[in-house]
Amino acid sequence: MSDNATDQLKFSSDGELEQSTDDEQPTDNLKDDGDPMGRFQSKAGYSIFNLASYLQKCIRRSDQEGAAFAAFELTRSGYSKMYWSRILCISVEDVSFEENVTSQVRSLYRLAIGRVEAVDDWGANNERGRVCAIRAALTCAQAESSRLPDYMHNTFERIADERVTAAEEERTPKYDFPAGDLNPGGNHDAIFDMHTSAGSSKNRGYEHFLVHSSRTDSMADMEARFKRINMELVAEADDTSAEFTEEEFDHALSTVDLDDPWEEPDFEQETLDSE
């Protein structure tokens, strides 16, 4: 979880809970063996906080059986709200963004609590709701793990602090934001196109956009063909004598270099944007 996550429970040095939880209490007060359930205890006698942590670590390690059990144990013990809050958080923080896991988990949550008309008799604490919970855990555990968004968030927060400290100490920061200063003529000059005031003031119109700012990291043959036709028609419709050069056509239809995606040539010859 994020360093400052508000839904992460806090414990003191002696192990006592410092932060209360709003999660529901068990549906009954008996463990599997018939003894009374302790506070924040599951039916099998586990700490629900340990179970929640177990769930998250199982998913990070692709332990499907363990993740499924944690989902089962939390929900059957009456802590469905806690479970769904945690599994949604896990789907955002611990699962690769290449897979649509968060949307799947959210849909399963709606099924589990009967928010879908066809299953409005389902509930988070009944069998169907628990099956949905297990399926959500399996969906996360089967997906590729990644904590990149969380690491990025925490790193950017620390860079922000480092920039302020460096300015106060009149030194260059050890690390800086990837955007840098975002000034025209800098590493990210391509952003200053017709959609920005700085780009418009430099007489960068649709033609500049086609040659430079619209380039992507991939381009299918059909896309390239239609972009070329579009550029030819734009040139013919313009009331100047300027035309795209073949060098500009080639550049506009090329993909960016992933090793240096912001590199753009400075074409000095006349184009449709020239004054």
C-alpha atoms as a PDB file:
ATOM      1  CA  MET A   1       0.000   0.000   0.000  1.00  0.00           C
ATOM      2  CA  SER A   2       0.973   3.595  -0.283  1.00  0.00           C
ATOM      3  CA  ASP A   3       3.027   4.942   2.577  1.00  0.00           C
ATOM      4  CA  ASN A   4       0.238   7.299   3.616  1.00  0.00           C
ATOM      5  CA  ALA A   5      -2.697   5.035   2.858  1.00  0.00           C
ATOM      6  CA  THR A   6      -5.590   5.936   5.116  1.00  0.00           C
ATOM      7  CA  ASP A   7      -7.103   2.447   4.926  1.00  0.00           C
ATOM      8  CA  GLN A   8      -3.953   0.762   6.242  1.00  0.00           C
ATOM      9  CA  LEU A   9      -4.432  -0.198   9.878  1.00  0.00           C
ATOM     10  CA  LYS A  10      -1.897   1.088  12.404  1.00  0.00           C
ATOM     11  CA  PHE A  11      -0.533  -0.801  15.401  1.00  0.00           C
ATOM     12  CA  SER A  12       1.570   0.455  18.303  1.00  0.00           C
ATOM     13  CA  SER A  13       4.924  -1.031  19.316  1.00  0.00           C
ATOM     14  CA  ASP A  14       3.150  -3.356  21.753  1.00  0.00           C
ATOM     15  CA  GLY A  15       0.886  -4.686  19.022  1.00  0.00           C
ATOM     16  CA  GLU A  16      -2.271  -2.876  20.070  1.00  0.00           C
ATOM     17  CA  LEU A  17      -4.587  -1.520  17.393  1.00  0.00           C
ATOM     18  CA  GLU A  18      -4.272   2.271  17.188  1.00  0.00           C
ATOM     19  CA  GLN A  19      -6.815   2.880  14.459  1.00  0.00           C
ATOM     20  CA  SER A  20     -10.415   1.751  14.643  1.00  0.00           C
ATOM     21  CA  THR A  21     -12.121  -0.056  11.794  1.00  0.00           C
ATOM     22  CA  ASP A  22     -15.586   0.543  10.440  1.00  0.00           C
ATOM     23  CA  ASP A  23     -15.912  -2.992   9.132  1.00  0.00           C
ATOM     24  CA  GLU A  24     -18.909  -4.983  10.150  1.00  0.00           C
ATOM     25  CA  GLN A  25     -18.744  -7.461  12.985  1.00  0.00           C
ATOM     26  CA  PRO A  26     -19.245 -11.198  12.416  1.00  0.00           C
ATOM     27  CA  THR A  27     -22.725 -12.482  11.643  1.00  0.00           C
ATOM     28  CA  ASP A  28     -22.527 -14.656  14.759  1.00  0.00           C
ATOM     29  CA  ASN A  29     -20.166 -14.810  17.690  1.00  0.00           C
ATOM     30  CA  LEU A  30     -18.982 -18.405  17.442  1.00  0.00           C
ATOM     31  CA  LYS A  31     -15.858 -19.854  15.916  1.00  0.00           C
ATOM     32  CA  ASP A  32     -15.869 -23.176  14.065  1.00  0.00           C
ATOM     33  CA  ASP A  33     -15.124 -25.019  17.297  1.00  0.00           C
ATOM     34  CA  GLY A  34     -18.064 -23.393  19.058  1.00  0.00           C
ATOM     35  CA  ASP A  35     -15.995 -21.076  21.231  1.00  0.00           C
ATOM     36  CA  PRO A  36     -16.799 -17.346  21.223  1.00  0.00           C
ATOM     37  CA  MET A  37     -15.080 -15.295  18.550  1.00  0.00           C
ATOM     38  CA  GLY A  38     -12.666 -12.681  19.799  1.00  0.00           C
ATOM     39  CA  ARG A  39     -12.698  -9.118  18.522  1.00  0.00           C
ATOM     40  CA  PHE A  40     -11.349  -8.903  14.955  1.00  0.00           C
ATOM     41  CA  GLN A  41     -11.114 -12.686  14.804  1.00  0.00           C
ATOM     42  CA  SER A  42     -12.275 -15.010  12.034  1.00  0.00           C
ATOM     43  CA  LYS A  43     -14.305 -18.182  12.431  1.00  0.00           C
ATOM     44  CA  ALA A  44     -11.151 -20.272  12.103  1.00  0.00           C
ATOM     45  CA  GLY A  45      -9.482 -18.190  14.799  1.00  0.00           C
ATOM     46  CA  TYR A  46      -7.250 -16.036  12.609  1.00  0.00           C
ATOM     47  CA  SER A  47      -6.678 -12.329  13.115  1.00  0.00           C
ATOM     48  CA  ILE A  48      -8.570 -10.598  10.315  1.00  0.00           C
ATOM     49  CA  PHE A  49      -5.665  -8.167   9.930  1.00  0.00           C
ATOM     50  CA  ASN A  50      -3.247 -11.038   9.386  1.00  0.00           C
ATOM     51  CA  LEU A  51      -5.690 -12.550   6.913  1.00  0.00           C
ATOM     52  CA  ALA A  52      -5.910  -9.294   4.974  1.00  0.00           C
ATOM     53  CA  SER A  53      -2.125  -9.102   4.791  1.00  0.00           C
ATOM     54  CA  TYR A  54      -1.980 -12.776   3.817  1.00  0.00           C
ATOM     55  CA  LEU A  55      -4.453 -12.079   1.007  1.00  0.00           C
ATOM     56  CA  GLN A  56      -2.300  -9.292  -0.394  1.00  0.00           C
ATOM     57  CA  LYS A  57       0.957 -11.242  -0.213  1.00  0.00           C
ATOM     58  CA  CYS A  58      -0.663 -14.316  -1.773  1.00  0.00           C
ATOM     59  CA  ILE A  59      -1.737 -12.222  -4.739  1.00  0.00           C
ATOM     60  CA  ARG A  60       1.726 -10.684  -5.114  1.00  0.00           C
ATOM     61  CA  ARG A  61       3.158 -14.216  -5.194  1.00  0.00           C
ATOM     62  CA  SER A  62       0.421 -15.727  -7.410  1.00  0.00           C
ATOM     63  CA  ASP A  63      -0.646 -18.103  -4.626  1.00  0.00           C
ATOM     64  CA  GLN A  64      -4.181 -18.707  -5.890  1.00  0.00           C
ATOM     65  CA  GLU A  65      -5.199 -21.204  -3.220  1.00  0.00           C
ATOM     66  CA  GLY A  66      -4.082 -18.951  -0.390  1.00  0.00           C
ATOM     67  CA  ALA A  67      -5.773 -15.899  -1.891  1.00  0.00           C
ATOM     68  CA  ALA A  68      -9.010 -17.821  -2.378  1.00  0.00           C
ATOM     69  CA  PHE A  69      -8.965 -19.027   1.223  1.00  0.00           C
ATOM     70  CA  ALA A  70      -8.371 -15.532   2.580  1.00  0.00           C
ATOM     71  CA  ALA A  71     -11.378 -14.304   0.593  1.00  0.00           C
ATOM     72  CA  PHE A  72     -13.500 -17.172   1.873  1.00  0.00           C
ATOM     73  CA  GLU A  73     -12.454 -16.766   5.502  1.00  0.00           C
ATOM     74  CA  LEU A  74     -12.927 -13.003   5.668  1.00  0.00           C
ATOM     75  CA  THR A  75     -16.339 -13.017   4.014  1.00  0.00           C
ATOM     76  CA  ARG A  76     -17.764 -16.016   5.865  1.00  0.00           C
ATOM     77  CA  SER A  77     -16.630 -14.416   9.137  1.00  0.00           C
ATOM     78  CA  GLY A  78     -18.700 -11.303   8.453  1.00  0.00           C
ATOM     79  CA  TYR A  79     -15.946  -9.021   7.180  1.00  0.00           C
ATOM     80  CA  SER A  80     -17.112  -8.662   3.586  1.00  0.00           C
ATOM     81  CA  LYS A  81     -16.807  -4.880   3.616  1.00  0.00           C
ATOM     82  CA  MET A  82     -13.198  -5.126   4.757  1.00  0.00           C
ATOM     83  CA  TYR A  83     -12.466  -7.782   2.149  1.00  0.00           C
ATOM     84  CA  TRP A  84     -13.918  -5.888  -0.814  1.00  0.00           C
ATOM     85  CA  SER A  85     -12.191  -2.683   0.216  1.00  0.00           C
ATOM     86  CA  ARG A  86      -8.868  -4.514   0.393  1.00  0.00           C
ATOM     87  CA  ILE A  87      -9.252  -6.525  -2.823  1.00  0.00           C
ATOM     88  CA  LEU A  88     -10.152  -3.402  -4.812  1.00  0.00           C
ATOM     89  CA  CYS A  89      -7.101  -1.675  -3.367  1.00  0.00           C
ATOM     90  CA  ILE A  90      -4.955  -4.683  -4.271  1.00  0.00           C
ATOM     91  CA  SER A  91      -6.305  -4.724  -7.829  1.00  0.00           C
ATOM     92  CA  VAL A  92      -5.082  -1.141  -8.234  1.00  0.00           C
ATOM     93  CA  GLU A  93      -1.769  -1.361  -6.374  1.00  0.00           C
ATOM     94  CA  ASP A  94      -0.485  -4.894  -6.921  1.00  0.00           C
ATOM     95  CA  VAL A  95      -1.668  -6.059 -10.342  1.00  0.00           C
ATOM     96  CA  SER A  96      -0.313  -5.246 -13.783  1.00  0.00           C
ATOM     97  CA  PHE A  97      -2.226  -2.502 -15.564  1.00  0.00           C
ATOM     98  CA  GLU A  98      -2.053  -4.499 -18.806  1.00  0.00           C
ATOM     99  CA  GLU A  99      -4.962  -6.590 -17.560  1.00  0.00           C
ATOM    100  CA  ASN A 100      -8.399  -5.174 -16.824  1.00  0.00           C
ATOM    101  CA  VAL A 101      -8.464  -6.637 -13.333  1.00  0.00           C
ATOM    102  CA  THR A 102      -9.860  -3.671 -11.403  1.00  0.00           C
ATOM    103  CA  SER A 103     -12.950  -3.492 -13.615  1.00  0.00           C
ATOM    104  CA  GLN A 104     -13.480  -7.241 -13.223  1.00  0.00           C
ATOM    105  CA  VAL A 105     -13.190  -7.022  -9.444  1.00  0.00           C
ATOM    106  CA  ARG A 106     -15.589  -4.094  -9.337  1.00  0.00           C
ATOM    107  CA  SER A 107     -18.110  -6.044 -11.430  1.00  0.00           C
ATOM    108  CA  LEU A 108     -17.781  -9.044  -9.128  1.00  0.00           C
ATOM    109  CA  TYR A 109     -18.389  -6.769  -6.146  1.00  0.00           C
ATOM    110  CA  ARG A 110     -21.620  -5.515  -7.699  1.00  0.00           C
ATOM    111  CA  LEU A 111     -22.704  -9.119  -8.246  1.00  0.00           C
ATOM    112  CA  ALA A 112     -21.743 -10.111  -4.716  1.00  0.00           C
ATOM    113  CA  ILE A 113     -23.879  -7.435  -3.065  1.00  0.00           C
ATOM    114  CA  GLY A 114     -26.851  -7.942  -5.400  1.00  0.00           C
ATOM    115  CA  ARG A 115     -26.481  -4.653  -7.280  1.00  0.00           C
ATOM    116  CA  VAL A 116     -27.224  -6.399 -10.590  1.00  0.00           C
ATOM    117  CA  GLU A 117     -30.946  -6.844 -11.219  1.00  0.00           C
ATOM    118  CA  ALA A 118     -30.738 -10.506 -12.229  1.00  0.00           C
ATOM    119  CA  VAL A 119     -29.067 -11.396  -8.930  1.00  0.00           C
ATOM    120  CA  ASP A 120     -30.672  -8.912  -6.570  1.00  0.00           C
ATOM    121  CA  ASP A 121     -31.215 -11.700  -4.036  1.00  0.00           C
ATOM    122  CA  TRP A 122     -27.466 -12.230  -3.672  1.00  0.00           C
ATOM    123  CA  GLY A 123     -25.634 -10.808  -0.670  1.00  0.00           C
ATOM    124  CA  ALA A 124     -22.047 -10.280   0.397  1.00  0.00           C
ATOM    125  CA  ASN A 125     -22.372 -12.738   3.277  1.00  0.00           C
ATOM    126  CA  ASN A 126     -24.210 -15.567   1.528  1.00  0.00           C
ATOM    127  CA  GLU A 127     -22.768 -18.349  -0.611  1.00  0.00           C
ATOM    128  CA  ARG A 128     -23.031 -16.529  -3.946  1.00  0.00           C
ATOM    129  CA  GLY A 129     -21.407 -13.453  -2.489  1.00  0.00           C
ATOM    130  CA  ARG A 130     -18.542 -15.523  -1.126  1.00  0.00           C
ATOM    131  CA  VAL A 131     -18.045 -17.232  -4.482  1.00  0.00           C
ATOM    132  CA  CYS A 132     -17.788 -13.792  -6.089  1.00  0.00           C
ATOM    133  CA  ALA A 133     -15.220 -12.832  -3.459  1.00  0.00           C
ATOM    134  CA  ILE A 134     -13.168 -15.944  -4.188  1.00  0.00           C
ATOM    135  CA  ARG A 135     -13.382 -15.299  -7.922  1.00  0.00           C
ATOM    136  CA  ALA A 136     -12.123 -11.746  -7.366  1.00  0.00           C
ATOM    137  CA  ALA A 137      -9.162 -13.060  -5.370  1.00  0.00           C
ATOM    138  CA  LEU A 138      -8.377 -15.613  -8.081  1.00  0.00           C
ATOM    139  CA  THR A 139      -8.649 -12.953 -10.773  1.00  0.00           C
ATOM    140  CA  CYS A 140      -6.003 -10.902  -8.987  1.00  0.00           C
ATOM    141  CA  ALA A 141      -3.761 -13.872  -8.170  1.00  0.00           C
ATOM    142  CA  GLN A 142      -3.828 -15.158 -11.755  1.00  0.00           C
ATOM    143  CA  ALA A 143      -2.843 -11.778 -13.179  1.00  0.00           C
ATOM    144  CA  GLU A 144       0.724 -10.583 -13.518  1.00  0.00           C
ATOM    145  CA  SER A 145       1.821  -8.708 -10.406  1.00  0.00           C
ATOM    146  CA  SER A 146       3.090  -5.134 -10.535  1.00  0.00           C
ATOM    147  CA  ARG A 147       3.475  -2.440  -7.903  1.00  0.00           C
ATOM    148  CA  LEU A 148       4.719   0.157 -10.376  1.00  0.00           C
ATOM    149  CA  PRO A 149       1.877   2.701  -9.846  1.00  0.00           C
ATOM    150  CA  ASP A 150       2.412   2.642  -6.080  1.00  0.00           C
ATOM    151  CA  TYR A 151       6.186   2.987  -6.354  1.00  0.00           C
ATOM    152  CA  MET A 152       5.767   5.829  -8.831  1.00  0.00           C
ATOM    153  CA  HIS A 153       3.334   7.673  -6.557  1.00  0.00           C
ATOM    154  CA  ASN A 154       5.620   7.442  -3.544  1.00  0.00           C
ATOM    155  CA  THR A 155       8.696   8.351  -5.583  1.00  0.00           C
ATOM    156  CA  PHE A 156       7.080  11.427  -7.125  1.00  0.00           C
ATOM    157  CA  GLU A 157       6.029  12.597  -3.655  1.00  0.00           C
ATOM    158  CA  ARG A 158       9.616  12.267  -2.442  1.00  0.00           C
ATOM    159  CA  ILE A 159      10.964  14.030  -5.528  1.00  0.00           C
ATOM    160  CA  ALA A 160       8.593  16.921  -4.811  1.00  0.00           C
ATOM    161  CA  ASP A 161      10.074  17.204  -1.319  1.00  0.00           C
ATOM    162  CA  GLU A 162      13.606  16.885  -2.696  1.00  0.00           C
ATOM    163  CA  ARG A 163      13.012  19.717  -5.181  1.00  0.00           C
ATOM    164  CA  VAL A 164      11.880  22.031  -2.392  1.00  0.00           C
ATOM    165  CA  THR A 165      14.811  21.076  -0.156  1.00  0.00           C
ATOM    166  CA  ALA A 166      17.281  21.534  -3.007  1.00  0.00           C
ATOM    167  CA  ALA A 167      15.901  24.987  -3.780  1.00  0.00           C
ATOM    168  CA  GLU A 168      16.206  26.000  -0.131  1.00  0.00           C
ATOM    169  CA  GLU A 169      19.799  24.731  -0.046  1.00  0.00           C
ATOM    170  CA  GLU A 170      20.584  26.336  -3.424  1.00  0.00           C
ATOM    171  CA  ARG A 171      21.660  23.095  -5.068  1.00  0.00           C
ATOM    172  CA  THR A 172      20.533  20.880  -7.923  1.00  0.00           C
ATOM    173  CA  PRO A 173      18.026  18.237  -6.799  1.00  0.00           C
ATOM    174  CA  LYS A 174      19.301  14.660  -6.761  1.00  0.00           C
ATOM    175  CA  TYR A 175      16.241  13.640  -8.764  1.00  0.00           C
ATOM    176  CA  ASP A 176      13.751  15.648 -10.775  1.00  0.00           C
ATOM    177  CA  PHE A 177      10.339  15.085 -12.344  1.00  0.00           C
ATOM    178  CA  PRO A 178      10.462  13.476 -15.819  1.00  0.00           C
ATOM    179  CA  ALA A 179       8.696  16.524 -17.275  1.00  0.00           C
ATOM    180  CA  GLY A 180      11.613  18.777 -16.373  1.00  0.00           C
ATOM    181  CA  ASP A 181      10.834  22.463 -16.943  1.00  0.00           C
ATOM    182  CA  LEU A 182       8.435  21.973 -19.892  1.00  0.00           C
ATOM    183  CA  ASN A 183       9.724  24.936 -21.850  1.00  0.00           C
ATOM    184  CA  PRO A 184       9.524  25.421 -25.648  1.00  0.00           C
ATOM    185  CA  GLY A 185      12.717  24.276 -27.299  1.00  0.00           C
ATOM    186  CA  GLY A 186      13.444  21.819 -24.501  1.00  0.00           C
ATOM    187  CA  ASN A 187      13.322  18.035 -24.429  1.00  0.00           C
ATOM    188  CA  HIS A 188       9.529  18.007 -24.756  1.00  0.00           C
ATOM    189  CA  ASP A 189       9.157  20.632 -27.463  1.00  0.00           C
ATOM    190  CA  ALA A 190       6.609  18.455 -29.313  1.00  0.00           C
ATOM    191  CA  ILE A 191       3.950  19.244 -26.708  1.00  0.00           C
ATOM    192  CA  PHE A 192       3.884  22.872 -27.807  1.00  0.00           C
ATOM    193  CA  ASP A 193       1.546  22.444 -30.756  1.00  0.00           C
ATOM    194  CA  MET A 194      -1.683  24.072 -31.885  1.00  0.00           C
ATOM    195  CA  HIS A 195      -3.351  22.968 -28.642  1.00  0.00           C
ATOM    196  CA  THR A 196      -1.172  25.205 -26.443  1.00  0.00           C
ATOM    197  CA  SER A 197      -0.800  28.969 -26.360  1.00  0.00           C
ATOM    198  CA  ALA A 198       2.974  28.649 -26.672  1.00  0.00           C
ATOM    199  CA  GLY A 199       2.610  26.496 -29.782  1.00  0.00           C
ATOM    200  CA  SER A 200       0.039  28.769 -31.376  1.00  0.00           C
ATOM    201  CA  SER A 201       2.258  31.793 -30.758  1.00  0.00           C
ATOM    202  CA  LYS A 202       5.020  29.997 -32.674  1.00  0.00           C
ATOM    203  CA  ASN A 203       2.669  29.601 -35.663  1.00  0.00           C
ATOM    204  CA  ARG A 204       2.383  25.857 -35.176  1.00  0.00           C
ATOM    205  CA  GLY A 205      -0.864  24.713 -36.748  1.00  0.00           C
ATOM    206  CA  TYR A 206      -2.424  21.452 -37.912  1.00  0.00           C
ATOM    207  CA  GLU A 207       0.422  20.754 -40.294  1.00  0.00           C
ATOM    208  CA  HIS A 208       3.011  20.920 -37.518  1.00  0.00           C
ATOM    209  CA  PHE A 209       0.741  18.643 -35.499  1.00  0.00           C
ATOM    210  CA  LEU A 210       0.690  16.066 -38.312  1.00  0.00           C
ATOM    211  CA  VAL A 211       4.453  16.076 -38.806  1.00  0.00           C
ATOM    212  CA  HIS A 212       5.562  16.195 -35.165  1.00  0.00           C
ATOM    213  CA  SER A 213       3.044  16.151 -32.322  1.00  0.00           C
ATOM    214  CA  SER A 214       0.747  13.389 -33.603  1.00  0.00           C
ATOM    215  CA  ARG A 215       3.489  10.760 -33.887  1.00  0.00           C
ATOM    216  CA  THR A 216       2.999   7.571 -31.873  1.00  0.00           C
ATOM    217  CA  ASP A 217       4.990   4.524 -30.804  1.00  0.00           C
ATOM    218  CA  SER A 218       3.204   2.264 -33.288  1.00  0.00           C
ATOM    219  CA  MET A 219       1.340   2.672 -36.555  1.00  0.00           C
ATOM    220  CA  ALA A 220      -0.528   0.044 -38.558  1.00  0.00           C
ATOM    221  CA  ASP A 221      -0.355   0.093 -42.356  1.00  0.00           C
ATOM    222  CA  MET A 222      -3.939   1.319 -42.706  1.00  0.00           C
ATOM    223  CA  GLU A 223      -3.342   4.149 -40.251  1.00  0.00           C
ATOM    224  CA  ALA A 224      -0.215   5.203 -42.140  1.00  0.00           C
ATOM    225  CA  ARG A 225      -2.085   5.132 -45.453  1.00  0.00           C
ATOM    226  CA  PHE A 226      -4.905   7.337 -44.185  1.00  0.00           C
ATOM    227  CA  LYS A 227      -2.531   9.729 -42.452  1.00  0.00           C
ATOM    228  CA  ARG A 228      -0.627  10.142 -45.733  1.00  0.00           C
ATOM    229  CA  ILE A 229      -3.823  10.804 -47.671  1.00  0.00           C
ATOM    230  CA  ASN A 230      -4.951  13.275 -45.006  1.00  0.00           C
ATOM    231  CA  MET A 231      -1.657  15.146 -45.269  1.00  0.00           C
ATOM    232  CA  GLU A 232      -1.889  15.282 -49.062  1.00  0.00           C
ATOM    233  CA  LEU A 233      -5.434  16.654 -48.910  1.00  0.00           C
ATOM    234  CA  VAL A 234      -4.475  19.206 -46.257  1.00  0.00           C
ATOM    235  CA  ALA A 235      -1.683  20.445 -48.517  1.00  0.00           C
ATOM    236  CA  GLU A 236      -3.989  20.687 -51.537  1.00  0.00           C
ATOM    237  CA  ALA A 237      -6.638  22.581 -49.559  1.00  0.00           C
ATOM    238  CA  ASP A 238      -4.183  25.173 -48.242  1.00  0.00           C
ATOM    239  CA  ASP A 239      -4.096  28.474 -50.112  1.00  0.00           C
ATOM    240  CA  THR A 240      -0.303  28.764 -49.980  1.00  0.00           C
ATOM    241  CA  SER A 241       2.216  27.248 -52.342  1.00  0.00           C
ATOM    242  CA  ALA A 242       3.953  25.392 -49.544  1.00  0.00           C
ATOM    243  CA  GLU A 243       3.828  21.609 -49.442  1.00  0.00           C
ATOM    244  CA  PHE A 244       5.038  18.852 -47.185  1.00  0.00           C
ATOM    245  CA  THR A 245       8.473  17.657 -48.191  1.00  0.00           C
ATOM    246  CA  GLU A 246       9.121  13.942 -48.595  1.00  0.00           C
ATOM    247  CA  GLU A 247      11.333  14.174 -45.525  1.00  0.00           C
ATOM    248  CA  GLU A 248       8.382  15.516 -43.560  1.00  0.00           C
ATOM    249  CA  PHE A 249       6.089  12.817 -44.945  1.00  0.00           C
ATOM    250  CA  ASP A 250       8.588  10.133 -43.925  1.00  0.00           C
ATOM    251  CA  HIS A 251       8.954  11.586 -40.453  1.00  0.00           C
ATOM    252  CA  ALA A 252       5.211  12.009 -39.922  1.00  0.00           C
ATOM    253  CA  LEU A 253       4.601   8.377 -40.889  1.00  0.00           C
ATOM    254  CA  SER A 254       7.426   6.981 -38.772  1.00  0.00           C
ATOM    255  CA  THR A 255       7.032   5.772 -35.203  1.00  0.00           C
ATOM    256  CA  VAL A 256       8.882   7.389 -32.340  1.00  0.00           C
ATOM    257  CA  ASP A 257      12.114   5.835 -31.125  1.00  0.00           C
ATOM    258  CA  LEU A 258      11.268   4.171 -27.808  1.00  0.00           C
ATOM    259  CA  ASP A 259      14.829   4.777 -26.621  1.00  0.00           C
ATOM    260  CA  ASP A 260      14.407   8.517 -27.267  1.00  0.00           C
ATOM    261  CA  PRO A 261      10.670   9.134 -27.814  1.00  0.00           C
ATOM    262  CA  TRP A 262      10.896  12.938 -27.625  1.00  0.00           C
ATOM    263  CA  GLU A 263      13.550  13.426 -30.300  1.00  0.00           C
ATOM    264  CA  GLU A 264      12.198  15.581 -33.137  1.00  0.00           C
ATOM    265  CA  PRO A 265      14.122  17.094 -36.071  1.00  0.00           C
ATOM    266  CA  ASP A 266      13.965  20.803 -36.826  1.00  0.00           C
ATOM    267  CA  PHE A 267      12.898  21.008 -40.468  1.00  0.00           C
ATOM    268  CA  GLU A 268      14.164  24.319 -41.800  1.00  0.00           C
ATOM    269  CA  GLN A 269      12.501  24.126 -45.217  1.00  0.00           C
ATOM    270  CA  GLU A 270       9.208  25.897 -45.854  1.00  0.00           C
ATOM    271  CA  THR A 271       6.064  24.110 -44.729  1.00  0.00           C
ATOM    272  CA  LEU A 272       2.406  24.944 -44.561  1.00  0.00           C
ATOM    273  CA  ASP A 273       2.987  26.564 -41.173  1.00  0.00           C
ATOM    274  CA  SER A 274       5.667  28.938 -42.356  1.00  0.00           C
ATOM    275  CA  GLU A 275       4.842  32.585 -42.371  1.00  0.00           C
END
